[in-house]
Protein backbone atom coordinates (compact mmCIF):
# COMPACT_ATOMS: atom_id res chain seq x y z
CA MET A 1 126.26 -46.27 94.67
CA LEU A 2 122.93 -44.99 93.64
CA THR A 3 121.25 -42.49 96.51
CA LEU A 4 117.63 -42.16 96.66
CA THR A 5 116.52 -38.78 98.27
CA THR A 6 113.44 -37.22 96.34
CA LYS A 7 109.97 -38.22 96.17
CA LEU A 8 108.13 -37.49 92.82
CA THR A 9 104.54 -37.48 92.13
CA HIS A 10 104.79 -38.94 88.65
CA ALA A 11 107.65 -39.91 86.09
CA GLU A 12 107.50 -40.42 82.40
CA LYS A 13 110.04 -43.58 82.84
CA ILE A 14 110.58 -45.82 85.70
CA ASP A 15 114.36 -47.00 85.93
CA GLY A 16 113.92 -49.72 88.51
CA GLU A 17 112.21 -51.33 91.36
CA LEU A 18 112.93 -51.45 95.00
CA ILE A 19 110.94 -54.01 96.74
CA LEU A 20 110.80 -53.62 100.65
CA PRO A 21 108.66 -54.75 103.48
CA TYR A 22 106.51 -52.37 105.75
CA GLU A 23 109.22 -52.28 108.43
CA GLN A 24 112.04 -51.22 105.96
CA ARG A 25 109.70 -48.58 104.12
CA GLU A 26 109.41 -46.83 107.49
CA LYS A 27 113.23 -46.68 108.12
CA SER A 28 114.83 -43.17 107.41
CA ARG A 29 118.23 -44.60 106.56
CA LEU A 30 118.34 -47.83 104.56
CA ARG A 31 121.01 -49.66 102.52
CA ALA A 32 119.08 -51.97 100.17
CA VAL A 33 119.24 -53.70 96.91
CA LEU A 34 116.99 -53.07 93.63
CA ARG A 35 115.38 -55.76 91.90
CA SER A 36 118.33 -55.73 89.39
CA GLY A 37 120.57 -56.24 92.20
CA GLU A 38 122.20 -52.85 92.29
CA GLU A 39 122.69 -51.55 95.82
CA VAL A 40 121.26 -48.34 96.88
CA ALA A 41 121.21 -45.89 99.70
CA LEU A 42 117.67 -44.55 100.83
CA PHE A 43 117.48 -41.33 102.80
CA THR A 44 114.13 -40.04 103.95
CA VAL A 45 112.59 -37.85 106.61
CA ARG A 46 112.55 -39.26 110.19
CA GLY A 47 108.89 -40.58 110.53
CA SER A 48 108.18 -40.73 106.93
CA VAL A 49 106.90 -43.91 105.35
CA LEU A 50 107.33 -45.03 101.69
CA ARG A 51 104.19 -46.51 100.22
CA HIS A 52 103.72 -49.29 97.32
CA GLY A 53 104.05 -47.17 94.25
CA ASP A 54 105.89 -44.18 95.55
CA LEU A 55 108.33 -42.89 93.21
CA MET A 56 111.98 -41.82 94.24
CA ARG A 57 114.60 -39.86 92.19
CA GLY A 58 118.34 -40.84 92.56
CA ASN A 59 121.37 -38.79 92.67
CA ASP A 60 121.94 -39.66 89.00
CA GLY A 61 118.29 -38.80 87.80
CA ARG A 62 116.92 -42.23 87.49
CA VAL A 63 113.36 -43.08 88.97
CA ILE A 64 112.91 -46.03 91.23
CA ARG A 65 109.24 -47.42 92.06
CA ILE A 66 108.86 -48.63 95.58
CA GLU A 67 107.21 -51.85 95.71
CA ALA A 68 105.55 -53.42 99.00
CA ALA A 69 106.89 -56.91 99.45
CA ALA A 70 104.62 -59.76 100.60
CA GLU A 71 105.13 -60.46 104.20
CA ALA A 72 103.74 -62.59 106.83
CA THR A 73 100.08 -61.20 107.98
CA TYR A 74 96.82 -62.08 109.18
CA ARG A 75 93.74 -61.40 107.35
CA VAL A 76 91.05 -60.69 109.98
CA GLU A 77 87.36 -61.13 108.89
CA CYS A 78 84.06 -61.36 111.10
CA THR A 79 80.33 -62.13 110.33
CA SER A 80 79.30 -58.35 110.93
CA PRO A 81 80.54 -54.77 110.69
CA HIS A 82 79.91 -54.56 114.47
CA GLN A 83 82.12 -57.50 115.22
CA LEU A 84 85.01 -56.15 112.77
CA LEU A 85 84.90 -52.93 114.58
CA ARG A 86 85.18 -54.53 117.94
CA CYS A 87 88.56 -56.17 116.60
CA ALA A 88 89.77 -52.98 115.12
CA PHE A 89 89.08 -51.29 118.59
CA HIS A 90 90.85 -53.94 120.47
CA LEU A 91 93.90 -53.80 118.21
CA GLY A 92 94.17 -49.97 118.33
CA ASN A 93 93.98 -50.04 122.06
CA ARG A 94 97.00 -52.28 121.66
CA HIS A 95 98.69 -49.80 119.38
CA THR A 96 98.77 -52.14 116.54
CA GLN A 97 99.32 -51.08 112.98
CA ALA A 98 96.38 -52.47 110.93
CA GLN A 99 95.52 -52.32 107.24
CA LEU A 100 91.79 -51.46 106.64
CA GLY A 101 90.20 -53.37 103.68
CA ASP A 102 86.95 -53.62 102.25
CA GLY A 103 85.13 -55.97 105.26
CA PHE A 104 88.79 -56.97 106.75
CA LEU A 105 91.72 -55.95 108.50
CA ARG A 106 95.17 -57.11 107.87
CA ILE A 107 97.85 -57.08 110.58
CA ARG A 108 101.33 -58.31 110.94
CA LYS A 109 101.57 -62.01 111.93
CA ASP A 110 101.50 -62.41 115.72
CA PRO A 111 100.01 -65.47 117.63
CA VAL A 112 99.14 -63.30 120.58
CA LEU A 113 96.89 -61.26 118.69
CA LYS A 114 95.67 -64.13 116.71
CA GLU A 115 94.28 -65.65 119.92
CA MET A 116 92.73 -62.30 121.18
CA LEU A 117 91.11 -61.96 117.74
CA GLN A 118 89.68 -65.45 117.76
CA GLY A 119 88.53 -64.89 121.30
CA LEU A 120 86.45 -61.94 119.74
CA ASP A 121 85.08 -64.74 117.14
CA ALA A 122 87.01 -63.38 114.11
CA THR A 123 88.40 -65.80 111.49
CA ILE A 124 92.15 -65.47 111.05
CA THR A 125 93.67 -66.27 107.76
CA GLU A 126 97.35 -66.31 107.36
CA GLU A 127 98.58 -64.67 104.10
CA ALA A 128 101.78 -63.58 102.47
CA ALA A 129 100.68 -60.24 101.35
CA ALA A 130 101.80 -56.45 101.08
CA PHE A 131 101.38 -54.61 104.31
CA GLU A 132 99.95 -51.08 104.12
CA PRO A 133 98.68 -49.99 107.52
CA GLU A 134 96.76 -46.73 108.18
CA ALA A 135 99.03 -43.90 108.71
CA GLY A 136 97.13 -42.51 111.86
CA ALA A 137 95.15 -39.36 112.47
CA TYR A 138 98.47 -37.30 112.94
CA GLY A 139 100.48 -39.16 110.42
CA GLY A 140 100.92 -35.93 108.47
CA GLY A 141 103.47 -35.55 105.54
CA HIS A 142 100.90 -34.79 103.06
CA ARG A 143 102.05 -31.95 100.74
CA HIS A 144 100.50 -30.11 97.66
CA GLY A 145 102.25 -28.23 94.98
CA ASP A 146 105.55 -29.25 94.48
CA GLU A 147 106.24 -32.08 92.18
CA ALA A 148 109.44 -33.30 93.58
CA HIS A 149 110.96 -32.44 96.94
CA PRO A 150 114.09 -33.84 98.93
CA LEU A 151 112.94 -35.92 101.75
CA ALA A 152 116.11 -35.43 103.62
CA PRO A 153 119.39 -33.77 103.26
CA ILE A 154 121.94 -35.84 101.69
CA PRO A 155 124.65 -36.63 104.24
CA LEU A 156 128.10 -35.99 102.64
CA ARG A 157 130.28 -38.65 104.34
CA GLN A 158 127.42 -40.76 106.48
CA ARG A 159 128.05 -44.42 106.55
CA ILE A 160 125.11 -46.83 106.06
CA HIS A 161 125.41 -49.59 108.35
CA ARG A 162 123.88 -52.88 108.07
CA PRO A 163 123.90 -56.15 110.07
CA GLY A 164 127.06 -58.08 109.65
CA ASP A 165 129.22 -54.90 108.98
CA LYS A 166 132.41 -55.07 110.83
CA PRO A 167 133.29 -52.06 113.08
CA ASP A 168 135.92 -49.52 111.46
């Protein structure tokens, strides 16, 4: 099985694509399937997040591009910047991950938050869109210098579990 552990800043050739929703791009251990159907294991440092367009090198030298999958989201728009700022404040007060756009916010689909935002006179539109929330002020993980760096040690004998696997 192809094992992805090293993040690259650029590559001459892309050998495959891994399409993942945000929830899976923030996992540190994951078994997934490339667009081609090949199974892969992904190992990253706990707390790191893979972003749309990130490049990962596999144990065999192949380079895989991470693609953000479309998922159920709400696009939040308001008639004024002040009104949008109020919505952002209330979402942040509830520790809600939010993507900031030019004149809009995007959040995961959540009917309770939708009702709250409508109470703040926001216009809410359901969208199937890639979700790329802000990393946060203390997100860290930004590096300079190294073109490639391992995101996590490669376990020698760690089994990757997935829902539906039967116990050993």
